Amino acid sequence: MKTRYEEIEEAAIQFHKENPKVWEYFVRFTSEVIGRGFNNYSAKGVFERIRWETDQADAEGRSTFKINNNFSALYARWFMDIYPEHLGFFRLRSQPSELQLARNLPELGPEDFD
């Protein structure tokens, strides 16, 4: 049986394939923070910077670009896997989703919110 973690990881990989620019921004902004002397930082903080730098409003004033917060821990892990010299830069927690069954629910989109 698939776990919730595997489900999130599959969604993150699909998102990455459809939005490779997000990875470029993640690496760039993380590298900037490292270059400013930080020993550790928040992957969610990097995601917020990506949102700030890339988002545009639609005709109704709503965000046109979404990044699922569930993906930030995976991006942090991917970064440290690819750049092992920065292992530990993002503080990692255990993933309770590894012990949960997959939910098999569709991703929510902008149309699901007011």
PDB file of N, CA and C in Angstrom:
ATOM      1  N   MET A   1       0.835  -1.190   0.000  1.00  0.00           N
ATOM      2  CA  MET A   1       0.000   0.000   0.000  1.00  0.00           C
ATOM      3  C   MET A   1       0.876   1.249   0.000  1.00  0.00           C
ATOM      4  N   LYS A   2       0.389   2.249  -0.678  1.00  0.00           N
ATOM      5  CA  LYS A   2       1.115   3.516  -0.769  1.00  0.00           C
ATOM      6  C   LYS A   2       0.895   4.343   0.492  1.00  0.00           C
ATOM      7  N   THR A   3       1.962   5.033   0.919  1.00  0.00           N
ATOM      8  CA  THR A   3       1.862   5.910   2.086  1.00  0.00           C
ATOM      9  C   THR A   3       1.520   7.332   1.633  1.00  0.00           C
ATOM     10  N   ARG A   4       1.115   8.125   2.597  1.00  0.00           N
ATOM     11  CA  ARG A   4       0.846   9.535   2.328  1.00  0.00           C
ATOM     12  C   ARG A   4       2.125  10.228   1.855  1.00  0.00           C
ATOM     13  N   TYR A   5       3.273   9.860   2.427  1.00  0.00           N
ATOM     14  CA  TYR A   5       4.544  10.444   2.007  1.00  0.00           C
ATOM     15  C   TYR A   5       4.806  10.162   0.525  1.00  0.00           C
ATOM     16  N   GLU A   6       4.608   8.925   0.114  1.00  0.00           N
ATOM     17  CA  GLU A   6       4.811   8.567  -1.296  1.00  0.00           C
ATOM     18  C   GLU A   6       3.852   9.337  -2.204  1.00  0.00           C
ATOM     19  N   GLU A   7       2.647   9.513  -1.716  1.00  0.00           N
ATOM     20  CA  GLU A   7       1.646  10.272  -2.471  1.00  0.00           C
ATOM     21  C   GLU A   7       2.090  11.728  -2.658  1.00  0.00           C
ATOM     22  N   ILE A   8       2.577  12.349  -1.583  1.00  0.00           N
ATOM     23  CA  ILE A   8       3.064  13.728  -1.651  1.00  0.00           C
ATOM     24  C   ILE A   8       4.285  13.806  -2.562  1.00  0.00           C
ATOM     25  N   GLU A   9       5.188  12.837  -2.433  1.00  0.00           N
ATOM     26  CA  GLU A   9       6.393  12.828  -3.254  1.00  0.00           C
ATOM     27  C   GLU A   9       6.054  12.699  -4.736  1.00  0.00           C
ATOM     28  N   GLU A  10       5.113  11.846  -5.077  1.00  0.00           N
ATOM     29  CA  GLU A  10       4.689  11.707  -6.476  1.00  0.00           C
ATOM     30  C   GLU A  10       4.121  13.019  -7.003  1.00  0.00           C
ATOM     31  N   ALA A  11       3.302  13.683  -6.195  1.00  0.00           N
ATOM     32  CA  ALA A  11       2.731  14.973  -6.596  1.00  0.00           C
ATOM     33  C   ALA A  11       3.833  16.022  -6.759  1.00  0.00           C
ATOM     34  N   ALA A  12       4.824  16.008  -5.859  1.00  0.00           N
ATOM     35  CA  ALA A  12       5.932  16.965  -5.937  1.00  0.00           C
ATOM     36  C   ALA A  12       6.765  16.730  -7.195  1.00  0.00           C
ATOM     37  N   ILE A  13       7.023  15.485  -7.523  1.00  0.00           N
ATOM     38  CA  ILE A  13       7.790  15.162  -8.736  1.00  0.00           C
ATOM     39  C   ILE A  13       7.032  15.621  -9.972  1.00  0.00           C
ATOM     40  N   GLN A  14       5.733  15.391 -10.000  1.00  0.00           N
ATOM     41  CA  GLN A  14       4.921  15.849 -11.135  1.00  0.00           C
ATOM     42  C   GLN A  14       4.941  17.374 -11.232  1.00  0.00           C
ATOM     43  N   PHE A  15       4.805  18.044 -10.093  1.00  0.00           N
ATOM     44  CA  PHE A  15       4.860  19.510 -10.062  1.00  0.00           C
ATOM     45  C   PHE A  15       6.214  19.985 -10.578  1.00  0.00           C
ATOM     46  N   HIS A  16       7.281  19.333 -10.135  1.00  0.00           N
ATOM     47  CA  HIS A  16       8.627  19.706 -10.565  1.00  0.00           C
ATOM     48  C   HIS A  16       8.773  19.569 -12.079  1.00  0.00           C
ATOM     49  N   LYS A  17       8.244  18.507 -12.645  1.00  0.00           N
ATOM     50  CA  LYS A  17       8.315  18.304 -14.098  1.00  0.00           C
ATOM     51  C   LYS A  17       7.569  19.406 -14.846  1.00  0.00           C
ATOM     52  N   GLU A  18       6.462  19.834 -14.295  1.00  0.00           N
ATOM     53  CA  GLU A  18       5.632  20.863 -14.936  1.00  0.00           C
ATOM     54  C   GLU A  18       6.134  22.280 -14.650  1.00  0.00           C
ATOM     55  N   ASN A  19       6.929  22.444 -13.594  1.00  0.00           N
ATOM     56  CA  ASN A  19       7.390  23.773 -13.159  1.00  0.00           C
ATOM     57  C   ASN A  19       8.870  23.749 -12.803  1.00  0.00           C
ATOM     58  N   PRO A  20       9.751  23.428 -13.751  1.00  0.00           N
ATOM     59  CA  PRO A  20      11.183  23.325 -13.422  1.00  0.00           C
ATOM     60  C   PRO A  20      11.781  24.639 -12.934  1.00  0.00           C
ATOM     61  N   LYS A  21      11.168  25.734 -13.271  1.00  0.00           N
ATOM     62  CA  LYS A  21      11.678  27.043 -12.840  1.00  0.00           C
ATOM     63  C   LYS A  21      11.659  27.168 -11.313  1.00  0.00           C
ATOM     64  N   VAL A  22      10.705  26.490 -10.668  1.00  0.00           N
ATOM     65  CA  VAL A  22      10.636  26.551  -9.206  1.00  0.00           C
ATOM     66  C   VAL A  22      11.916  25.997  -8.601  1.00  0.00           C
ATOM     67  N   TRP A  23      12.421  24.892  -9.154  1.00  0.00           N
ATOM     68  CA  TRP A  23      13.682  24.326  -8.650  1.00  0.00           C
ATOM     69  C   TRP A  23      14.818  25.317  -8.861  1.00  0.00           C
ATOM     70  N   GLU A  24      14.860  25.957 -10.014  1.00  0.00           N
ATOM     71  CA  GLU A  24      15.912  26.947 -10.276  1.00  0.00           C
ATOM     72  C   GLU A  24      15.864  28.066  -9.247  1.00  0.00           C
ATOM     73  N   TYR A  25      14.656  28.555  -8.964  1.00  0.00           N
ATOM     74  CA  TYR A  25      14.518  29.595  -7.942  1.00  0.00           C
ATOM     75  C   TYR A  25      14.909  29.066  -6.565  1.00  0.00           C
ATOM     76  N   PHE A  26      14.505  27.838  -6.256  1.00  0.00           N
ATOM     77  CA  PHE A  26      14.833  27.279  -4.946  1.00  0.00           C
ATOM     78  C   PHE A  26      16.344  27.221  -4.746  1.00  0.00           C
ATOM     79  N   VAL A  27      17.051  26.736  -5.737  1.00  0.00           N
ATOM     80  CA  VAL A  27      18.515  26.653  -5.649  1.00  0.00           C
ATOM     81  C   VAL A  27      19.115  28.052  -5.575  1.00  0.00           C
ATOM     82  N   ARG A  28      18.626  28.947  -6.408  1.00  0.00           N
ATOM     83  CA  ARG A  28      19.173  30.311  -6.434  1.00  0.00           C
ATOM     84  C   ARG A  28      18.966  31.032  -5.108  1.00  0.00           C
ATOM     85  N   PHE A  29      17.735  30.991  -4.593  1.00  0.00           N
ATOM     86  CA  PHE A  29      17.450  31.732  -3.367  1.00  0.00           C
ATOM     87  C   PHE A  29      18.112  31.079  -2.154  1.00  0.00           C
ATOM     88  N   THR A  30      18.191  29.749  -2.146  1.00  0.00           N
ATOM     89  CA  THR A  30      18.897  29.068  -1.060  1.00  0.00           C
ATOM     90  C   THR A  30      20.377  29.423  -1.110  1.00  0.00           C
ATOM     91  N   SER A  31      20.946  29.434  -2.290  1.00  0.00           N
ATOM     92  CA  SER A  31      22.364  29.796  -2.437  1.00  0.00           C
ATOM     93  C   SER A  31      22.619  31.225  -1.986  1.00  0.00           C
ATOM     94  N   GLU A  32      21.674  32.118  -2.255  1.00  0.00           N
ATOM     95  CA  GLU A  32      21.824  33.501  -1.797  1.00  0.00           C
ATOM     96  C   GLU A  32      21.845  33.571  -0.275  1.00  0.00           C
ATOM     97  N   VAL A  33      20.962  32.816   0.371  1.00  0.00           N
ATOM     98  CA  VAL A  33      20.903  32.810   1.830  1.00  0.00           C
ATOM     99  C   VAL A  33      22.204  32.233   2.395  1.00  0.00           C
ATOM    100  N   ILE A  34      22.693  31.158   1.786  1.00  0.00           N
ATOM    101  CA  ILE A  34      23.962  30.575   2.208  1.00  0.00           C
ATOM    102  C   ILE A  34      25.081  31.608   2.040  1.00  0.00           C
ATOM    103  N   GLY A  35      25.068  32.315   0.909  1.00  0.00           N
ATOM    104  CA  GLY A  35      26.079  33.335   0.633  1.00  0.00           C
ATOM    105  C   GLY A  35      26.033  34.498   1.601  1.00  0.00           C
ATOM    106  N   ARG A  36      24.887  34.711   2.237  1.00  0.00           N
ATOM    107  CA  ARG A  36      24.766  35.775   3.234  1.00  0.00           C
ATOM    108  C   ARG A  36      25.225  35.336   4.611  1.00  0.00           C
ATOM    109  N   GLY A  37      25.694  34.084   4.710  1.00  0.00           N
ATOM    110  CA  GLY A  37      26.290  33.620   5.953  1.00  0.00           C
ATOM    111  C   GLY A  37      25.406  32.786   6.855  1.00  0.00           C
ATOM    112  N   PHE A  38      24.205  32.453   6.420  1.00  0.00           N
ATOM    113  CA  PHE A  38      23.331  31.643   7.257  1.00  0.00           C
ATOM    114  C   PHE A  38      23.837  30.202   7.322  1.00  0.00           C
ATOM    115  N   ASN A  39      23.756  29.592   8.505  1.00  0.00           N
ATOM    116  CA  ASN A  39      24.108  28.186   8.681  1.00  0.00           C
ATOM    117  C   ASN A  39      22.911  27.274   8.460  1.00  0.00           C
ATOM    118  N   ASN A  40      21.719  27.826   8.640  1.00  0.00           N
ATOM    119  CA  ASN A  40      20.498  27.085   8.345  1.00  0.00           C
ATOM    120  C   ASN A  40      19.398  28.089   8.042  1.00  0.00           C
ATOM    121  N   TYR A  41      18.352  27.576   7.401  1.00  0.00           N
ATOM    122  CA  TYR A  41      17.250  28.450   7.002  1.00  0.00           C
ATOM    123  C   TYR A  41      16.002  27.604   6.813  1.00  0.00           C
ATOM    124  N   SER A  42      14.918  28.256   6.524  1.00  0.00           N
ATOM    125  CA  SER A  42      13.625  27.607   6.361  1.00  0.00           C
ATOM    126  C   SER A  42      13.298  27.379   4.888  1.00  0.00           C
ATOM    127  N   ALA A  43      12.994  26.132   4.528  1.00  0.00           N
ATOM    128  CA  ALA A  43      12.561  25.841   3.158  1.00  0.00           C
ATOM    129  C   ALA A  43      11.239  26.550   2.863  1.00  0.00           C
ATOM    130  N   LYS A  44      10.388  26.669   3.868  1.00  0.00           N
ATOM    131  CA  LYS A  44       9.126  27.401   3.660  1.00  0.00           C
ATOM    132  C   LYS A  44       9.410  28.879   3.396  1.00  0.00           C
ATOM    133  N   GLY A  45      10.437  29.420   4.031  1.00  0.00           N
ATOM    134  CA  GLY A  45      10.834  30.798   3.759  1.00  0.00           C
ATOM    135  C   GLY A  45      11.285  30.963   2.319  1.00  0.00           C
ATOM    136  N   VAL A  46      12.016  29.987   1.814  1.00  0.00           N
ATOM    137  CA  VAL A  46      12.438  30.023   0.411  1.00  0.00           C
ATOM    138  C   VAL A  46      11.215  29.932  -0.496  1.00  0.00           C
ATOM    139  N   PHE A  47      10.257  29.073  -0.150  1.00  0.00           N
ATOM    140  CA  PHE A  47       9.019  28.975  -0.942  1.00  0.00           C
ATOM    141  C   PHE A  47       8.282  30.316  -0.966  1.00  0.00           C
ATOM    142  N   GLU A  48       8.235  30.988   0.175  1.00  0.00           N
ATOM    143  CA  GLU A  48       7.544  32.290   0.218  1.00  0.00           C
ATOM    144  C   GLU A  48       8.248  33.305  -0.685  1.00  0.00           C
ATOM    145  N   ARG A  49       9.560  33.264  -0.719  1.00  0.00           N
ATOM    146  CA  ARG A  49      10.299  34.160  -1.625  1.00  0.00           C
ATOM    147  C   ARG A  49       9.981  33.835  -3.075  1.00  0.00           C
ATOM    148  N   ILE A  50       9.895  32.548  -3.405  1.00  0.00           N
ATOM    149  CA  ILE A  50       9.524  32.150  -4.772  1.00  0.00           C
ATOM    150  C   ILE A  50       8.146  32.709  -5.105  1.00  0.00           C
ATOM    151  N   ARG A  51       7.228  32.580  -4.175  1.00  0.00           N
ATOM    152  CA  ARG A  51       5.881  33.134  -4.405  1.00  0.00           C
ATOM    153  C   ARG A  51       5.952  34.647  -4.645  1.00  0.00           C
ATOM    154  N   TRP A  52       6.707  35.328  -3.806  1.00  0.00           N
ATOM    155  CA  TRP A  52       6.846  36.781  -3.917  1.00  0.00           C
ATOM    156  C   TRP A  52       7.409  37.173  -5.281  1.00  0.00           C
ATOM    157  N   GLU A  53       8.408  36.457  -5.738  1.00  0.00           N
ATOM    158  CA  GLU A  53       9.096  36.796  -6.977  1.00  0.00           C
ATOM    159  C   GLU A  53       8.324  36.412  -8.230  1.00  0.00           C
ATOM    160  N   THR A  54       7.431  35.424  -8.142  1.00  0.00           N
ATOM    161  CA  THR A  54       6.820  34.884  -9.363  1.00  0.00           C
ATOM    162  C   THR A  54       5.328  35.128  -9.501  1.00  0.00           C
ATOM    163  N   ASP A  55       4.641  35.405  -8.431  1.00  0.00           N
ATOM    164  CA  ASP A  55       3.176  35.448  -8.491  1.00  0.00           C
ATOM    165  C   ASP A  55       2.659  36.687  -9.204  1.00  0.00           C
ATOM    166  N   GLN A  56       1.564  36.498  -9.871  1.00  0.00           N
ATOM    167  CA  GLN A  56       0.839  37.588 -10.532  1.00  0.00           C
ATOM    168  C   GLN A  56      -0.635  37.460 -10.147  1.00  0.00           C
ATOM    169  N   ALA A  57      -1.369  38.535 -10.200  1.00  0.00           N
ATOM    170  CA  ALA A  57      -2.801  38.501  -9.906  1.00  0.00           C
ATOM    171  C   ALA A  57      -3.588  38.333 -11.199  1.00  0.00           C
ATOM    172  N   ASP A  58      -4.681  37.561 -11.114  1.00  0.00           N
ATOM    173  CA  ASP A  58      -5.558  37.436 -12.276  1.00  0.00           C
ATOM    174  C   ASP A  58      -6.518  38.627 -12.300  1.00  0.00           C
ATOM    175  N   ALA A  59      -7.471  38.620 -13.198  1.00  0.00           N
ATOM    176  CA  ALA A  59      -8.402  39.748 -13.363  1.00  0.00           C
ATOM    177  C   ALA A  59      -9.207  40.019 -12.097  1.00  0.00           C
ATOM    178  N   GLU A  60      -9.425  38.979 -11.287  1.00  0.00           N
ATOM    179  CA  GLU A  60     -10.179  39.140 -10.038  1.00  0.00           C
ATOM    180  C   GLU A  60      -9.266  39.419  -8.837  1.00  0.00           C
ATOM    181  N   GLY A  61      -7.974  39.600  -9.094  1.00  0.00           N
ATOM    182  CA  GLY A  61      -7.043  39.897  -8.020  1.00  0.00           C
ATOM    183  C   GLY A  61      -6.578  38.687  -7.241  1.00  0.00           C
ATOM    184  N   ARG A  62      -6.767  37.476  -7.791  1.00  0.00           N
ATOM    185  CA  ARG A  62      -6.336  36.247  -7.121  1.00  0.00           C
ATOM    186  C   ARG A  62      -4.984  35.798  -7.658  1.00  0.00           C
ATOM    187  N   SER A  63      -4.291  35.059  -6.832  1.00  0.00           N
ATOM    188  CA  SER A  63      -2.999  34.505  -7.205  1.00  0.00           C
ATOM    189  C   SER A  63      -3.136  33.583  -8.413  1.00  0.00           C
ATOM    190  N   THR A  64      -2.174  33.670  -9.324  1.00  0.00           N
ATOM    191  CA  THR A  64      -2.220  32.829 -10.523  1.00  0.00           C
ATOM    192  C   THR A  64      -1.270  31.641 -10.434  1.00  0.00           C
ATOM    193  N   PHE A  65      -0.427  31.593  -9.424  1.00  0.00           N
ATOM    194  CA  PHE A  65       0.560  30.530  -9.329  1.00  0.00           C
ATOM    195  C   PHE A  65       0.548  29.945  -7.929  1.00  0.00           C
ATOM    196  N   LYS A  66       0.444  28.648  -7.837  1.00  0.00           N
ATOM    197  CA  LYS A  66       0.369  27.977  -6.542  1.00  0.00           C
ATOM    198  C   LYS A  66       1.511  26.988  -6.383  1.00  0.00           C
ATOM    199  N   ILE A  67       2.097  26.980  -5.186  1.00  0.00           N
ATOM    200  CA  ILE A  67       3.081  25.976  -4.812  1.00  0.00           C
ATOM    201  C   ILE A  67       2.564  25.345  -3.521  1.00  0.00           C
ATOM    202  N   ASN A  68       2.384  24.044  -3.530  1.00  0.00           N
ATOM    203  CA  ASN A  68       1.870  23.341  -2.367  1.00  0.00           C
ATOM    204  C   ASN A  68       2.910  23.351  -1.247  1.00  0.00           C
ATOM    205  N   ASN A  69       2.520  23.821  -0.074  1.00  0.00           N
ATOM    206  CA  ASN A  69       3.436  23.849   1.072  1.00  0.00           C
ATOM    207  C   ASN A  69       3.945  22.460   1.439  1.00  0.00           C
ATOM    208  N   ASN A  70       3.181  21.423   1.087  1.00  0.00           N
ATOM    209  CA  ASN A  70       3.624  20.057   1.378  1.00  0.00           C
ATOM    210  C   ASN A  70       4.936  19.722   0.677  1.00  0.00           C
ATOM    211  N   PHE A  71       5.280  20.463  -0.363  1.00  0.00           N
ATOM    212  CA  PHE A  71       6.471  20.155  -1.145  1.00  0.00           C
ATOM    213  C   PHE A  71       7.756  20.742  -0.564  1.00  0.00           C
ATOM    214  N   SER A  72       7.653  21.675   0.362  1.00  0.00           N
ATOM    215  CA  SER A  72       8.856  22.372   0.832  1.00  0.00           C
ATOM    216  C   SER A  72       9.862  21.422   1.489  1.00  0.00           C
ATOM    217  N   ALA A  73       9.385  20.464   2.278  1.00  0.00           N
ATOM    218  CA  ALA A  73      10.303  19.524   2.917  1.00  0.00           C
ATOM    219  C   ALA A  73      11.019  18.667   1.879  1.00  0.00           C
ATOM    220  N   LEU A  74      10.318  18.306   0.819  1.00  0.00           N
ATOM    221  CA  LEU A  74      10.943  17.505  -0.238  1.00  0.00           C
ATOM    222  C   LEU A  74      11.983  18.316  -0.994  1.00  0.00           C
ATOM    223  N   TYR A  75      11.675  19.568  -1.300  1.00  0.00           N
ATOM    224  CA  TYR A  75      12.659  20.414  -1.973  1.00  0.00           C
ATOM    225  C   TYR A  75      13.904  20.575  -1.104  1.00  0.00           C
ATOM    226  N   ALA A  76      13.713  20.717   0.205  1.00  0.00           N
ATOM    227  CA  ALA A  76      14.860  20.824   1.118  1.00  0.00           C
ATOM    228  C   ALA A  76      15.699  19.552   1.072  1.00  0.00           C
ATOM    229  N   ARG A  77      15.049  18.402   1.095  1.00  0.00           N
ATOM    230  CA  ARG A  77      15.772  17.129   1.033  1.00  0.00           C
ATOM    231  C   ARG A  77      16.491  16.979  -0.301  1.00  0.00           C
ATOM    232  N   TRP A  78      15.806  17.311  -1.384  1.00  0.00           N
ATOM    233  CA  TRP A  78      16.424  17.219  -2.712  1.00  0.00           C
ATOM    234  C   TRP A  78      17.655  18.113  -2.790  1.00  0.00           C
ATOM    235  N   PHE A  79      17.530  19.340  -2.258  1.00  0.00           N
ATOM    236  CA  PHE A  79      18.656  20.269  -2.290  1.00  0.00           C
ATOM    237  C   PHE A  79      19.860  19.665  -1.586  1.00  0.00           C
ATOM    238  N   MET A  80      19.657  19.146  -0.401  1.00  0.00           N
ATOM    239  CA  MET A  80      20.786  18.622   0.367  1.00  0.00           C
ATOM    240  C   MET A  80      21.319  17.315  -0.222  1.00  0.00           C
ATOM    241  N   ASP A  81      20.477  16.576  -0.925  1.00  0.00           N
ATOM    242  CA  ASP A  81      20.955  15.379  -1.634  1.00  0.00           C
ATOM    243  C   ASP A  81      21.871  15.771  -2.796  1.00  0.00           C
ATOM    244  N   ILE A  82      21.492  16.804  -3.510  1.00  0.00           N
ATOM    245  CA  ILE A  82      22.259  17.237  -4.687  1.00  0.00           C
ATOM    246  C   ILE A  82      23.489  18.044  -4.282  1.00  0.00           C
ATOM    247  N   TYR A  83      23.370  18.782  -3.199  1.00  0.00           N
ATOM    248  CA  TYR A  83      24.473  19.608  -2.703  1.00  0.00           C
ATOM    249  C   TYR A  83      24.860  19.129  -1.296  1.00  0.00           C
ATOM    250  N   PRO A  84      25.509  17.960  -1.193  1.00  0.00           N
ATOM    251  CA  PRO A  84      25.808  17.392   0.136  1.00  0.00           C
ATOM    252  C   PRO A  84      26.705  18.272   0.998  1.00  0.00           C
ATOM    253  N   GLU A  85      27.412  19.214   0.386  1.00  0.00           N
ATOM    254  CA  GLU A  85      28.222  20.129   1.190  1.00  0.00           C
ATOM    255  C   GLU A  85      27.345  21.024   2.079  1.00  0.00           C
ATOM    256  N   HIS A  86      26.037  21.045   1.799  1.00  0.00           N
ATOM    257  CA  HIS A  86      25.098  21.843   2.593  1.00  0.00           C
ATOM    258  C   HIS A  86      24.157  20.964   3.410  1.00  0.00           C
ATOM    259  N   LEU A  87      24.572  19.717   3.629  1.00  0.00           N
ATOM    260  CA  LEU A  87      23.779  18.809   4.448  1.00  0.00           C
ATOM    261  C   LEU A  87      23.561  19.444   5.818  1.00  0.00           C
ATOM    262  N   GLY A  88      22.339  19.486   6.255  1.00  0.00           N
ATOM    263  CA  GLY A  88      22.007  20.105   7.533  1.00  0.00           C
ATOM    264  C   GLY A  88      21.593  21.551   7.429  1.00  0.00           C
ATOM    265  N   PHE A  89      21.712  22.150   6.235  1.00  0.00           N
ATOM    266  CA  PHE A  89      21.319  23.551   6.088  1.00  0.00           C
ATOM    267  C   PHE A  89      19.835  23.725   6.402  1.00  0.00           C
ATOM    268  N   PHE A  90      19.026  22.803   5.899  1.00  0.00           N
ATOM    269  CA  PHE A  90      17.606  22.781   6.256  1.00  0.00           C
ATOM    270  C   PHE A  90      17.455  21.751   7.373  1.00  0.00           C
ATOM    271  N   ARG A  91      16.869  22.159   8.457  1.00  0.00           N
ATOM    272  CA  ARG A  91      16.644  21.233   9.570  1.00  0.00           C
ATOM    273  C   ARG A  91      15.439  20.366   9.217  1.00  0.00           C
ATOM    274  N   LEU A  92      15.647  19.079   9.281  1.00  0.00           N
ATOM    275  CA  LEU A  92      14.605  18.139   8.876  1.00  0.00           C
ATOM    276  C   LEU A  92      13.957  17.495  10.090  1.00  0.00           C
ATOM    277  N   ARG A  93      12.695  17.230   9.940  1.00  0.00           N
ATOM    278  CA  ARG A  93      11.949  16.510  10.961  1.00  0.00           C
ATOM    279  C   ARG A  93      11.559  15.151  10.405  1.00  0.00           C
ATOM    280  N   SER A  94      11.148  14.266  11.283  1.00  0.00           N
ATOM    281  CA  SER A  94      10.630  12.994  10.800  1.00  0.00           C
ATOM    282  C   SER A  94       9.349  13.277  10.004  1.00  0.00           C
ATOM    283  N   GLN A  95       9.020  12.379   9.136  1.00  0.00           N
ATOM    284  CA  GLN A  95       7.851  12.550   8.279  1.00  0.00           C
ATOM    285  C   GLN A  95       6.727  11.633   8.750  1.00  0.00           C
ATOM    286  N   PRO A  96       5.778  12.141   9.542  1.00  0.00           N
ATOM    287  CA  PRO A  96       4.673  11.299   9.997  1.00  0.00           C
ATOM    288  C   PRO A  96       3.882  10.713   8.817  1.00  0.00           C
ATOM    289  N   SER A  97       3.944  11.380   7.686  1.00  0.00           N
ATOM    290  CA  SER A  97       3.226  10.898   6.507  1.00  0.00           C
ATOM    291  C   SER A  97       3.761   9.552   6.024  1.00  0.00           C
ATOM    292  N   GLU A  98       4.991   9.190   6.456  1.00  0.00           N
ATOM    293  CA  GLU A  98       5.541   7.880   6.084  1.00  0.00           C
ATOM    294  C   GLU A  98       4.774   6.744   6.757  1.00  0.00           C
ATOM    295  N   LEU A  99       4.057   7.073   7.825  1.00  0.00           N
ATOM    296  CA  LEU A  99       3.307   6.066   8.578  1.00  0.00           C
ATOM    297  C   LEU A  99       1.811   6.099   8.282  1.00  0.00           C
ATOM    298  N   GLN A 100       1.386   7.035   7.442  1.00  0.00           N
ATOM    299  CA  GLN A 100      -0.038   7.176   7.121  1.00  0.00           C
ATOM    300  C   GLN A 100      -0.325   6.593   5.750  1.00  0.00           C
ATOM    301  N   LEU A 101      -1.509   6.081   5.587  1.00  0.00           N
ATOM    302  CA  LEU A 101      -1.923   5.578   4.284  1.00  0.00           C
ATOM    303  C   LEU A 101      -2.231   6.750   3.353  1.00  0.00           C
ATOM    304  N   ALA A 102      -2.038   6.522   2.066  1.00  0.00           N
ATOM    305  CA  ALA A 102      -2.359   7.546   1.069  1.00  0.00           C
ATOM    306  C   ALA A 102      -3.835   7.889   1.159  1.00  0.00           C
ATOM    307  N   ARG A 103      -4.174   9.114   0.849  1.00  0.00           N
ATOM    308  CA  ARG A 103      -5.565   9.584   0.936  1.00  0.00           C
ATOM    309  C   ARG A 103      -6.301   9.499  -0.390  1.00  0.00           C
ATOM    310  N   ASN A 104      -5.525   9.482  -1.485  1.00  0.00           N
ATOM    311  CA  ASN A 104      -6.127   9.398  -2.821  1.00  0.00           C
ATOM    312  C   ASN A 104      -7.155  10.494  -3.083  1.00  0.00           C
ATOM    313  N   LEU A 105      -6.896  11.675  -2.554  1.00  0.00           N
ATOM    314  CA  LEU A 105      -7.767  12.821  -2.787  1.00  0.00           C
ATOM    315  C   LEU A 105      -7.164  13.691  -3.876  1.00  0.00           C
ATOM    316  N   PRO A 106      -7.992  14.330  -4.685  1.00  0.00           N
ATOM    317  CA  PRO A 106      -7.436  15.225  -5.714  1.00  0.00           C
ATOM    318  C   PRO A 106      -6.845  16.468  -5.066  1.00  0.00           C
ATOM    319  N   GLU A 107      -5.828  17.032  -5.757  1.00  0.00           N
ATOM    320  CA  GLU A 107      -5.255  18.299  -5.288  1.00  0.00           C
ATOM    321  C   GLU A 107      -6.306  19.393  -5.398  1.00  0.00           C
ATOM    322  N   LEU A 108      -6.329  20.279  -4.433  1.00  0.00           N
ATOM    323  CA  LEU A 108      -7.223  21.427  -4.495  1.00  0.00           C
ATOM    324  C   LEU A 108      -6.613  22.473  -5.417  1.00  0.00           C
ATOM    325  N   GLY A 109      -7.444  23.123  -6.174  1.00  0.00           N
ATOM    326  CA  GLY A 109      -6.995  24.185  -7.067  1.00  0.00           C
ATOM    327  C   GLY A 109      -7.647  25.506  -6.696  1.00  0.00           C
ATOM    328  N   PRO A 110      -7.269  26.583  -7.381  1.00  0.00           N
ATOM    329  CA  PRO A 110      -7.841  27.898  -7.080  1.00  0.00           C
ATOM    330  C   PRO A 110      -9.364  27.915  -7.145  1.00  0.00           C
ATOM    331  N   GLU A 111      -9.928  27.077  -7.994  1.00  0.00           N
ATOM    332  CA  GLU A 111     -11.375  27.039  -8.128  1.00  0.00           C
ATOM    333  C   GLU A 111     -12.073  26.485  -6.888  1.00  0.00           C
ATOM    334  N   ASP A 112     -11.314  25.839  -5.992  1.00  0.00           N
ATOM    335  CA  ASP A 112     -11.879  25.255  -4.785  1.00  0.00           C
ATOM    336  C   ASP A 112     -11.988  26.272  -3.651  1.00  0.00           C
ATOM    337  N   PHE A 113     -11.500  27.470  -3.855  1.00  0.00           N
ATOM    338  CA  PHE A 113     -11.503  28.503  -2.814  1.00  0.00           C
ATOM    339  C   PHE A 113     -12.254  29.722  -3.299  1.00  0.00           C
ATOM    340  N   ASP A 114     -12.797  30.458  -2.338  1.00  0.00           N
ATOM    341  CA  ASP A 114     -13.500  31.708  -2.676  1.00  0.00           C
ATOM    342  C   ASP A 114     -12.514  32.812  -2.894  1.00  0.00           C
TER     343      ASP A 114
END
